[in-house]
Amino acid sequence: MNDTSDSEQDAAPRPTLLVVDDEDGILSSLKRLLRREAYQVLTANSGQAGLDELARCPVDVIVSDQRMPGMSGVEFLRQAKELYPDTVRMVLSGYADLQSITDAINEGAIYKFLSKPWDDEMLKAEIDEAFRRKALKDENKRLSEQVRMANAELVRLNAQLQDALAVQQQRTELGETALAAVQEIVNFLPVPLLGVDPDGLLVFANAEAMQRFAHIPLLGTFVSEALPREVADLVTQGQGEALINIDQSSYRVRCNAVDSIMMQRGHLLVFIPDSTP
């Protein structure tokens, strides 16, 4: 059995509730109760029909009766958890089969138990809370993926930078020609780089740094005057990493001690754009 409270032609996807109950009267009552809510409602009259519906389209929240022929609500929700673990699952029951329901809650198969007969406003409030829980889980998952991607990019850029620094170190004694070649490599790295001499004076900026920080007087300026305090603290410490903001953009800054590359016993500052919210 398959019904929706909205047209499938909606351009913007809406949160979806699946109600599973073997009594058509219960399904009709719940559809009427929830027809004005901000989510679409799907219905199924058995556990197997509920699994079929889950396979057909994405579902955020499931409300299932417990006592159904063929497959109990708890068993249906256990299978739903295995196949669609991101759903928020609730059981609606008027029977005192609390042990199996309690076990399922402890296993994580069920988020909450709702009793029959229900109070309309309380039921709607519980379903709204389930949707908020699902939205929070989705947001956490999205942020975790962003962090994973940002970390992978940081590793890649760090490896690229280390390769460039290794090349620079190898070319240090080759004279002005080799030094110019190394500086060109550094100049075209896709992250801002700044060189600081032993006195804390900014003496080098690659093309990316000059472009991103065009409004900041860099060369010939002390790092403590041109950049946020956290950067000056890194230079004072001699090495380390800090998260800073410049013009509403976030950067993960790494400080590396450098000998005889662009300055004598100075420091190289690497500004890696940070996309973490």
C-alpha atoms as a PDB file:
ATOM      1  CA  MET A   1       0.000   0.000   0.000  1.00  0.00           C
ATOM      2  CA  ASN A   2       1.521   3.262  -1.067  1.00  0.00           C
ATOM      3  CA  ASP A   3       0.148   6.789  -0.524  1.00  0.00           C
ATOM      4  CA  THR A   4       1.794  10.196  -0.392  1.00  0.00           C
ATOM      5  CA  SER A   5       0.454  13.413   1.046  1.00  0.00           C
ATOM      6  CA  ASP A   6       2.059  15.451  -1.739  1.00  0.00           C
ATOM      7  CA  SER A   7       2.630  15.201  -5.464  1.00  0.00           C
ATOM      8  CA  GLU A   8       5.678  13.265  -6.573  1.00  0.00           C
ATOM      9  CA  GLN A   9       6.305  16.133  -8.963  1.00  0.00           C
ATOM     10  CA  ASP A  10       7.516  18.434  -6.143  1.00  0.00           C
ATOM     11  CA  ALA A  11      10.801  19.967  -7.236  1.00  0.00           C
ATOM     12  CA  ALA A  12      12.223  20.245  -3.716  1.00  0.00           C
ATOM     13  CA  PRO A  13      12.442  16.998  -1.740  1.00  0.00           C
ATOM     14  CA  ARG A  14      10.605  17.005   1.585  1.00  0.00           C
ATOM     15  CA  PRO A  15      11.288  14.987   4.730  1.00  0.00           C
ATOM     16  CA  THR A  16       9.448  11.677   4.573  1.00  0.00           C
ATOM     17  CA  LEU A  17       7.571   9.662   7.194  1.00  0.00           C
ATOM     18  CA  LEU A  18       6.681   5.997   6.677  1.00  0.00           C
ATOM     19  CA  VAL A  19       3.761   4.643   8.751  1.00  0.00           C
ATOM     20  CA  VAL A  20       3.384   0.840   8.900  1.00  0.00           C
ATOM     21  CA  ASP A  21       0.229  -0.779  10.334  1.00  0.00           C
ATOM     22  CA  ASP A  22      -1.903  -3.733   9.273  1.00  0.00           C
ATOM     23  CA  GLU A  23      -5.135  -1.850  10.083  1.00  0.00           C
ATOM     24  CA  ASP A  24      -6.284   0.403   7.263  1.00  0.00           C
ATOM     25  CA  GLY A  25      -8.343   2.446   9.720  1.00  0.00           C
ATOM     26  CA  ILE A  26      -5.222   3.313  11.710  1.00  0.00           C
ATOM     27  CA  LEU A  27      -3.353   4.308   8.550  1.00  0.00           C
ATOM     28  CA  SER A  28      -6.254   6.518   7.434  1.00  0.00           C
ATOM     29  CA  SER A  29      -6.477   8.173  10.851  1.00  0.00           C
ATOM     30  CA  LEU A  30      -2.763   8.943  10.919  1.00  0.00           C
ATOM     31  CA  LYS A  31      -2.803  10.281   7.357  1.00  0.00           C
ATOM     32  CA  ARG A  32      -5.618  12.657   8.276  1.00  0.00           C
ATOM     33  CA  LEU A  33      -3.849  13.728  11.447  1.00  0.00           C
ATOM     34  CA  LEU A  34      -0.559  14.422   9.690  1.00  0.00           C
ATOM     35  CA  ARG A  35      -1.783  15.744   6.338  1.00  0.00           C
ATOM     36  CA  ARG A  36      -0.917  19.369   7.145  1.00  0.00           C
ATOM     37  CA  GLU A  37       2.558  18.682   8.506  1.00  0.00           C
ATOM     38  CA  ALA A  38       5.760  19.787   6.761  1.00  0.00           C
ATOM     39  CA  TYR A  39       6.654  16.256   5.664  1.00  0.00           C
ATOM     40  CA  GLN A  40       5.173  13.774   3.244  1.00  0.00           C
ATOM     41  CA  VAL A  41       3.559  10.616   4.582  1.00  0.00           C
ATOM     42  CA  LEU A  42       3.972   7.146   3.074  1.00  0.00           C
ATOM     43  CA  THR A  43       1.985   4.160   4.345  1.00  0.00           C
ATOM     44  CA  ALA A  44       2.387   0.385   4.267  1.00  0.00           C
ATOM     45  CA  ASN A  45       0.082  -2.314   5.687  1.00  0.00           C
ATOM     46  CA  SER A  46       2.742  -4.917   6.577  1.00  0.00           C
ATOM     47  CA  GLY A  47       6.379  -5.227   7.499  1.00  0.00           C
ATOM     48  CA  GLN A  48       7.269  -6.570   4.053  1.00  0.00           C
ATOM     49  CA  ALA A  49       5.348  -3.761   2.363  1.00  0.00           C
ATOM     50  CA  GLY A  50       7.269  -1.347   4.577  1.00  0.00           C
ATOM     51  CA  LEU A  51      10.595  -2.819   3.420  1.00  0.00           C
ATOM     52  CA  ASP A  52       9.424  -2.534  -0.186  1.00  0.00           C
ATOM     53  CA  GLU A  53       8.558   1.115   0.393  1.00  0.00           C
ATOM     54  CA  LEU A  54      11.972   1.795   1.946  1.00  0.00           C
ATOM     55  CA  ALA A  55      13.611   0.270  -1.119  1.00  0.00           C
ATOM     56  CA  ARG A  56      11.483   2.438  -3.399  1.00  0.00           C
ATOM     57  CA  CYS A  57      12.283   5.876  -1.979  1.00  0.00           C
ATOM     58  CA  PRO A  58      14.307   7.578   0.806  1.00  0.00           C
ATOM     59  CA  VAL A  59      12.617   7.723   4.214  1.00  0.00           C
ATOM     60  CA  ASP A  60      13.684   9.766   7.237  1.00  0.00           C
ATOM     61  CA  VAL A  61      11.376   8.590  10.046  1.00  0.00           C
ATOM     62  CA  ILE A  62       9.480   5.299  10.480  1.00  0.00           C
ATOM     63  CA  VAL A  63       6.510   4.700  12.797  1.00  0.00           C
ATOM     64  CA  SER A  64       5.458   1.025  12.923  1.00  0.00           C
ATOM     65  CA  ASP A  65       2.780  -0.959  14.733  1.00  0.00           C
ATOM     66  CA  GLN A  66       4.113  -3.868  16.812  1.00  0.00           C
ATOM     67  CA  ARG A  67       1.509  -6.640  16.411  1.00  0.00           C
ATOM     68  CA  MET A  68       1.235  -7.391  12.695  1.00  0.00           C
ATOM     69  CA  PRO A  69       0.763 -10.736  10.900  1.00  0.00           C
ATOM     70  CA  GLY A  70       3.811 -12.234   9.238  1.00  0.00           C
ATOM     71  CA  MET A  71       6.391  -9.821  10.637  1.00  0.00           C
ATOM     72  CA  SER A  72       6.223  -7.962  13.930  1.00  0.00           C
ATOM     73  CA  GLY A  73       7.000  -4.285  14.148  1.00  0.00           C
ATOM     74  CA  VAL A  74      10.181  -4.963  16.118  1.00  0.00           C
ATOM     75  CA  GLU A  75      11.444  -7.430  13.505  1.00  0.00           C
ATOM     76  CA  PHE A  76      10.555  -5.002  10.709  1.00  0.00           C
ATOM     77  CA  LEU A  77      12.415  -2.180  12.440  1.00  0.00           C
ATOM     78  CA  ARG A  78      15.441  -4.423  13.088  1.00  0.00           C
ATOM     79  CA  GLN A  79      15.643  -5.135   9.354  1.00  0.00           C
ATOM     80  CA  ALA A  80      15.104  -1.449   8.581  1.00  0.00           C
ATOM     81  CA  LYS A  81      18.019  -0.585  10.866  1.00  0.00           C
ATOM     82  CA  GLU A  82      20.321  -3.052   9.092  1.00  0.00           C
ATOM     83  CA  LEU A  83      19.340  -1.864   5.615  1.00  0.00           C
ATOM     84  CA  TYR A  84      18.765   1.850   6.317  1.00  0.00           C
ATOM     85  CA  PRO A  85      20.660   2.726   9.521  1.00  0.00           C
ATOM     86  CA  ASP A  86      20.190   6.491   9.081  1.00  0.00           C
ATOM     87  CA  THR A  87      16.412   6.283   9.555  1.00  0.00           C
ATOM     88  CA  VAL A  88      14.859   7.217  12.909  1.00  0.00           C
ATOM     89  CA  ARG A  89      12.631   4.302  13.944  1.00  0.00           C
ATOM     90  CA  MET A  90       9.696   4.308  16.395  1.00  0.00           C
ATOM     91  CA  VAL A  91       7.200   1.611  17.371  1.00  0.00           C
ATOM     92  CA  LEU A  92       3.502   2.345  17.990  1.00  0.00           C
ATOM     93  CA  SER A  93       1.713  -0.318  19.991  1.00  0.00           C
ATOM     94  CA  GLY A  94      -1.303  -0.818  22.214  1.00  0.00           C
ATOM     95  CA  TYR A  95      -0.149  -4.218  23.459  1.00  0.00           C
ATOM     96  CA  ALA A  96       1.928  -5.021  26.491  1.00  0.00           C
ATOM     97  CA  ASP A  97       4.692  -6.755  24.569  1.00  0.00           C
ATOM     98  CA  LEU A  98       7.215  -4.522  26.308  1.00  0.00           C
ATOM     99  CA  GLN A  99      10.115  -6.974  26.673  1.00  0.00           C
ATOM    100  CA  SER A 100      10.781  -7.320  22.939  1.00  0.00           C
ATOM    101  CA  ILE A 101      10.292  -3.568  22.496  1.00  0.00           C
ATOM    102  CA  THR A 102      12.691  -2.823  25.366  1.00  0.00           C
ATOM    103  CA  ASP A 103      15.251  -5.216  23.882  1.00  0.00           C
ATOM    104  CA  ALA A 104      14.951  -3.510  20.504  1.00  0.00           C
ATOM    105  CA  ILE A 105      15.383  -0.082  22.089  1.00  0.00           C
ATOM    106  CA  ASN A 106      18.512  -1.301  23.893  1.00  0.00           C
ATOM    107  CA  GLU A 107      19.865  -2.695  20.617  1.00  0.00           C
ATOM    108  CA  GLY A 108      19.347   0.656  18.931  1.00  0.00           C
ATOM    109  CA  ALA A 109      16.770  -0.700  16.493  1.00  0.00           C
ATOM    110  CA  ILE A 110      14.096   1.557  17.977  1.00  0.00           C
ATOM    111  CA  TYR A 111      14.475   5.203  18.947  1.00  0.00           C
ATOM    112  CA  LYS A 112      11.230   5.501  20.954  1.00  0.00           C
ATOM    113  CA  PHE A 113       8.079   3.622  21.973  1.00  0.00           C
ATOM    114  CA  LEU A 114       4.700   5.310  21.332  1.00  0.00           C
ATOM    115  CA  SER A 115       1.526   3.920  22.868  1.00  0.00           C
ATOM    116  CA  LYS A 116      -1.953   3.301  21.484  1.00  0.00           C
ATOM    117  CA  PRO A 117      -4.358   4.967  21.796  1.00  0.00           C
ATOM    118  CA  TRP A 118      -2.330   8.088  21.128  1.00  0.00           C
ATOM    119  CA  ASP A 119      -2.777  11.730  21.977  1.00  0.00           C
ATOM    120  CA  ASP A 120      -2.773  13.610  18.664  1.00  0.00           C
ATOM    121  CA  GLU A 121      -0.643  16.561  19.760  1.00  0.00           C
ATOM    122  CA  MET A 122       1.791  14.382  21.673  1.00  0.00           C
ATOM    123  CA  LEU A 123       2.187  12.038  18.707  1.00  0.00           C
ATOM    124  CA  LYS A 124       2.844  14.937  16.339  1.00  0.00           C
ATOM    125  CA  ALA A 125       5.374  16.377  18.796  1.00  0.00           C
ATOM    126  CA  GLU A 126       7.214  13.027  19.027  1.00  0.00           C
ATOM    127  CA  ILE A 127       7.356  12.735  15.235  1.00  0.00           C
ATOM    128  CA  ASP A 128       8.602  16.329  14.918  1.00  0.00           C
ATOM    129  CA  GLU A 129      11.332  15.539  17.434  1.00  0.00           C
ATOM    130  CA  ALA A 130      12.296  12.462  15.411  1.00  0.00           C
ATOM    131  CA  PHE A 131      12.657  14.603  12.278  1.00  0.00           C
ATOM    132  CA  ARG A 132      14.830  17.067  14.199  1.00  0.00           C
ATOM    133  CA  ARG A 133      16.981  14.166  15.358  1.00  0.00           C
ATOM    134  CA  LYS A 134      17.310  12.936  11.760  1.00  0.00           C
ATOM    135  CA  ALA A 135      18.210  16.428  10.513  1.00  0.00           C
ATOM    136  CA  LEU A 136      20.910  16.681  13.188  1.00  0.00           C
ATOM    137  CA  LYS A 137      22.325  13.279  12.239  1.00  0.00           C
ATOM    138  CA  ASP A 138      22.379  14.288   8.569  1.00  0.00           C
ATOM    139  CA  GLU A 139      24.138  17.560   9.382  1.00  0.00           C
ATOM    140  CA  ASN A 140      26.729  15.795  11.530  1.00  0.00           C
ATOM    141  CA  LYS A 141      27.336  13.329   8.711  1.00  0.00           C
ATOM    142  CA  ARG A 142      27.743  16.168   6.215  1.00  0.00           C
ATOM    143  CA  LEU A 143      30.168  18.020   8.489  1.00  0.00           C
ATOM    144  CA  SER A 144      32.153  14.845   9.141  1.00  0.00           C
ATOM    145  CA  GLU A 145      32.524  14.318   5.403  1.00  0.00           C
ATOM    146  CA  GLN A 146      33.684  17.918   4.964  1.00  0.00           C
ATOM    147  CA  VAL A 147      36.255  17.446   7.716  1.00  0.00           C
ATOM    148  CA  ARG A 148      37.442  14.198   6.125  1.00  0.00           C
ATOM    149  CA  MET A 149      37.845  15.867   2.749  1.00  0.00           C
ATOM    150  CA  ALA A 150      39.584  18.883   4.286  1.00  0.00           C
ATOM    151  CA  ASN A 151      41.991  16.607   6.160  1.00  0.00           C
ATOM    152  CA  ALA A 152      42.728  14.657   2.996  1.00  0.00           C
ATOM    153  CA  GLU A 153      43.439  17.911   1.171  1.00  0.00           C
ATOM    154  CA  LEU A 154      45.657  19.054   4.037  1.00  0.00           C
ATOM    155  CA  VAL A 155      47.634  15.824   3.850  1.00  0.00           C
ATOM    156  CA  ARG A 156      48.016  16.239   0.095  1.00  0.00           C
ATOM    157  CA  LEU A 157      49.159  19.852   0.385  1.00  0.00           C
ATOM    158  CA  ASN A 158      51.518  18.998   3.232  1.00  0.00           C
ATOM    159  CA  ALA A 159      53.064  16.240   1.149  1.00  0.00           C
ATOM    160  CA  GLN A 160      53.379  18.627  -1.792  1.00  0.00           C
ATOM    161  CA  LEU A 161      54.977  21.225   0.453  1.00  0.00           C
ATOM    162  CA  GLN A 162      57.380  18.740   1.978  1.00  0.00           C
ATOM    163  CA  ASP A 163      58.418  17.658  -1.513  1.00  0.00           C
ATOM    164  CA  ALA A 164      59.007  21.285  -2.455  1.00  0.00           C
ATOM    165  CA  LEU A 165      61.003  21.918   0.717  1.00  0.00           C
ATOM    166  CA  ALA A 166      63.088  18.810   0.099  1.00  0.00           C
ATOM    167  CA  VAL A 167      63.855  20.016  -3.415  1.00  0.00           C
ATOM    168  CA  GLN A 168      64.767  23.426  -2.036  1.00  0.00           C
ATOM    169  CA  GLN A 169      67.115  21.938   0.534  1.00  0.00           C
ATOM    170  CA  GLN A 170      68.868  19.861  -2.119  1.00  0.00           C
ATOM    171  CA  ARG A 171      69.349  22.926  -4.289  1.00  0.00           C
ATOM    172  CA  THR A 172      70.625  25.244  -1.567  1.00  0.00           C
ATOM    173  CA  GLU A 173      74.318  24.953  -2.485  1.00  0.00           C
ATOM    174  CA  LEU A 174      73.836  25.207  -6.241  1.00  0.00           C
ATOM    175  CA  GLY A 175      74.048  28.980  -6.302  1.00  0.00           C
ATOM    176  CA  GLU A 176      71.812  31.742  -7.563  1.00  0.00           C
ATOM    177  CA  THR A 177      70.545  29.833 -10.599  1.00  0.00           C
ATOM    178  CA  ALA A 178      69.370  26.870  -8.536  1.00  0.00           C
ATOM    179  CA  LEU A 179      67.916  29.213  -5.911  1.00  0.00           C
ATOM    180  CA  ALA A 180      65.908  31.054  -8.576  1.00  0.00           C
ATOM    181  CA  ALA A 181      64.480  27.738  -9.822  1.00  0.00           C
ATOM    182  CA  VAL A 182      63.451  26.736  -6.316  1.00  0.00           C
ATOM    183  CA  GLN A 183      61.860  30.123  -5.688  1.00  0.00           C
ATOM    184  CA  GLU A 184      59.862  29.722  -8.877  1.00  0.00           C
ATOM    185  CA  ILE A 185      58.529  26.360  -7.669  1.00  0.00           C
ATOM    186  CA  VAL A 186      57.525  27.875  -4.339  1.00  0.00           C
ATOM    187  CA  ASN A 187      56.076  30.902  -6.070  1.00  0.00           C
ATOM    188  CA  PHE A 188      53.580  28.787  -8.007  1.00  0.00           C
ATOM    189  CA  LEU A 189      52.450  26.523  -5.180  1.00  0.00           C
ATOM    190  CA  PRO A 190      48.636  26.828  -4.825  1.00  0.00           C
ATOM    191  CA  VAL A 191      48.857  27.960  -1.182  1.00  0.00           C
ATOM    192  CA  PRO A 192      50.177  31.235   0.292  1.00  0.00           C
ATOM    193  CA  LEU A 193      53.773  31.044   1.566  1.00  0.00           C
ATOM    194  CA  LEU A 194      55.587  33.730   3.578  1.00  0.00           C
ATOM    195  CA  GLY A 195      59.246  33.798   4.597  1.00  0.00           C
ATOM    196  CA  VAL A 196      60.291  35.382   7.904  1.00  0.00           C
ATOM    197  CA  ASP A 197      63.885  36.292   8.746  1.00  0.00           C
ATOM    198  CA  PRO A 198      65.439  35.725  12.202  1.00  0.00           C
ATOM    199  CA  ASP A 199      64.280  39.165  13.352  1.00  0.00           C
ATOM    200  CA  GLY A 200      60.640  38.483  12.512  1.00  0.00           C
ATOM    201  CA  LEU A 201      60.675  40.543   9.300  1.00  0.00           C
ATOM    202  CA  LEU A 202      58.643  39.314   6.309  1.00  0.00           C
ATOM    203  CA  VAL A 203      61.155  38.915   3.474  1.00  0.00           C
ATOM    204  CA  PHE A 204      59.411  36.572   1.029  1.00  0.00           C
ATOM    205  CA  ALA A 205      55.877  36.103  -0.330  1.00  0.00           C
ATOM    206  CA  ASN A 206      54.895  33.781  -3.170  1.00  0.00           C
ATOM    207  CA  ALA A 207      52.373  34.719  -5.876  1.00  0.00           C
ATOM    208  CA  GLU A 208      49.428  33.137  -4.042  1.00  0.00           C
ATOM    209  CA  ALA A 209      50.245  35.087  -0.870  1.00  0.00           C
ATOM    210  CA  MET A 210      50.569  38.367  -2.786  1.00  0.00           C
ATOM    211  CA  GLN A 211      47.204  37.751  -4.438  1.00  0.00           C
ATOM    212  CA  ARG A 212      45.276  36.649  -1.357  1.00  0.00           C
ATOM    213  CA  PHE A 213      46.796  39.237   0.992  1.00  0.00           C
ATOM    214  CA  ALA A 214      47.114  42.085  -1.492  1.00  0.00           C
ATOM    215  CA  HIS A 215      45.694  44.584   1.011  1.00  0.00           C
ATOM    216  CA  ILE A 216      48.326  43.743   3.666  1.00  0.00           C
ATOM    217  CA  PRO A 217      51.783  45.349   3.517  1.00  0.00           C
ATOM    218  CA  LEU A 218      53.895  42.185   3.595  1.00  0.00           C
ATOM    219  CA  LEU A 219      57.504  42.541   2.501  1.00  0.00           C
ATOM    220  CA  GLY A 220      59.603  44.619   4.851  1.00  0.00           C
ATOM    221  CA  THR A 221      56.960  44.460   7.598  1.00  0.00           C
ATOM    222  CA  PHE A 222      57.312  42.632  10.889  1.00  0.00           C
ATOM    223  CA  VAL A 223      55.079  39.577  11.099  1.00  0.00           C
ATOM    224  CA  SER A 224      53.671  40.833  14.422  1.00  0.00           C
ATOM    225  CA  GLU A 225      52.433  43.975  12.668  1.00  0.00           C
ATOM    226  CA  ALA A 226      51.093  42.489   9.429  1.00  0.00           C
ATOM    227  CA  LEU A 227      49.413  39.283  10.564  1.00  0.00           C
ATOM    228  CA  PRO A 228      47.215  38.029  13.448  1.00  0.00           C
ATOM    229  CA  ARG A 229      48.872  37.485  16.821  1.00  0.00           C
ATOM    230  CA  GLU A 230      48.599  33.698  16.483  1.00  0.00           C
ATOM    231  CA  VAL A 231      51.007  33.790  13.529  1.00  0.00           C
ATOM    232  CA  ALA A 232      53.555  35.863  15.431  1.00  0.00           C
ATOM    233  CA  ASP A 233      53.291  33.374  18.308  1.00  0.00           C
ATOM    234  CA  LEU A 234      54.114  30.505  15.922  1.00  0.00           C
ATOM    235  CA  VAL A 235      57.232  32.323  14.709  1.00  0.00           C
ATOM    236  CA  THR A 236      58.262  32.969  18.315  1.00  0.00           C
ATOM    237  CA  GLN A 237      57.806  29.275  19.122  1.00  0.00           C
ATOM    238  CA  GLY A 238      59.786  28.308  16.030  1.00  0.00           C
ATOM    239  CA  GLN A 239      57.278  25.775  14.732  1.00  0.00           C
ATOM    240  CA  GLY A 240      53.690  24.613  15.081  1.00  0.00           C
ATOM    241  CA  GLU A 241      50.245  25.090  13.600  1.00  0.00           C
ATOM    242  CA  ALA A 242      47.312  27.448  14.246  1.00  0.00           C
ATOM    243  CA  LEU A 243      43.870  28.216  12.806  1.00  0.00           C
ATOM    244  CA  ILE A 244      43.401  31.920  11.950  1.00  0.00           C
ATOM    245  CA  ASN A 245      40.993  34.205  10.110  1.00  0.00           C
ATOM    246  CA  ILE A 246      42.021  36.853   7.600  1.00  0.00           C
ATOM    247  CA  ASP A 247      39.286  38.869   5.872  1.00  0.00           C
ATOM    248  CA  GLN A 248      36.600  36.343   6.810  1.00  0.00           C
ATOM    249  CA  SER A 249      38.650  33.472   5.332  1.00  0.00           C
ATOM    250  CA  SER A 250      40.005  30.671   7.521  1.00  0.00           C
ATOM    251  CA  TYR A 251      43.544  29.310   7.162  1.00  0.00           C
ATOM    252  CA  ARG A 252      45.459  26.565   8.896  1.00  0.00           C
ATOM    253  CA  VAL A 253      48.922  28.084   9.282  1.00  0.00           C
ATOM    254  CA  ARG A 254      52.009  25.925   9.679  1.00  0.00           C
ATOM    255  CA  CYS A 255      55.352  27.317  10.742  1.00  0.00           C
ATOM    256  CA  ASN A 256      58.547  25.525   9.709  1.00  0.00           C
ATOM    257  CA  ALA A 257      62.098  26.468  10.644  1.00  0.00           C
ATOM    258  CA  VAL A 258      64.181  26.960   7.503  1.00  0.00           C
ATOM    259  CA  ASP A 259      67.945  27.298   7.084  1.00  0.00           C
ATOM    260  CA  SER A 260      69.555  28.952   4.050  1.00  0.00           C
ATOM    261  CA  ILE A 261      66.667  28.599   1.614  1.00  0.00           C
ATOM    262  CA  MET A 262      65.072  32.023   1.439  1.00  0.00           C
ATOM    263  CA  MET A 263      66.593  33.404   4.617  1.00  0.00           C
ATOM    264  CA  GLN A 264      69.285  32.509   7.117  1.00  0.00           C
ATOM    265  CA  ARG A 265      67.762  30.542   9.997  1.00  0.00           C
ATOM    266  CA  GLY A 266      64.337  31.994   9.416  1.00  0.00           C
ATOM    267  CA  HIS A 267      60.840  30.524   9.169  1.00  0.00           C
ATOM    268  CA  LEU A 268      58.446  29.536   6.417  1.00  0.00           C
ATOM    269  CA  LEU A 269      54.727  30.177   6.990  1.00  0.00           C
ATOM    270  CA  VAL A 270      52.276  28.020   5.026  1.00  0.00           C
ATOM    271  CA  PHE A 271      48.634  29.166   4.822  1.00  0.00           C
ATOM    272  CA  ILE A 272      46.329  26.257   3.920  1.00  0.00           C
ATOM    273  CA  PRO A 273      42.720  27.338   3.231  1.00  0.00           C
ATOM    274  CA  ASP A 274      40.449  25.651   5.773  1.00  0.00           C
ATOM    275  CA  SER A 275      36.898  24.809   4.583  1.00  0.00           C
ATOM    276  CA  THR A 276      35.777  23.320   7.961  1.00  0.00           C
ATOM    277  CA  PRO A 277      32.617  25.142   9.145  1.00  0.00           C
END
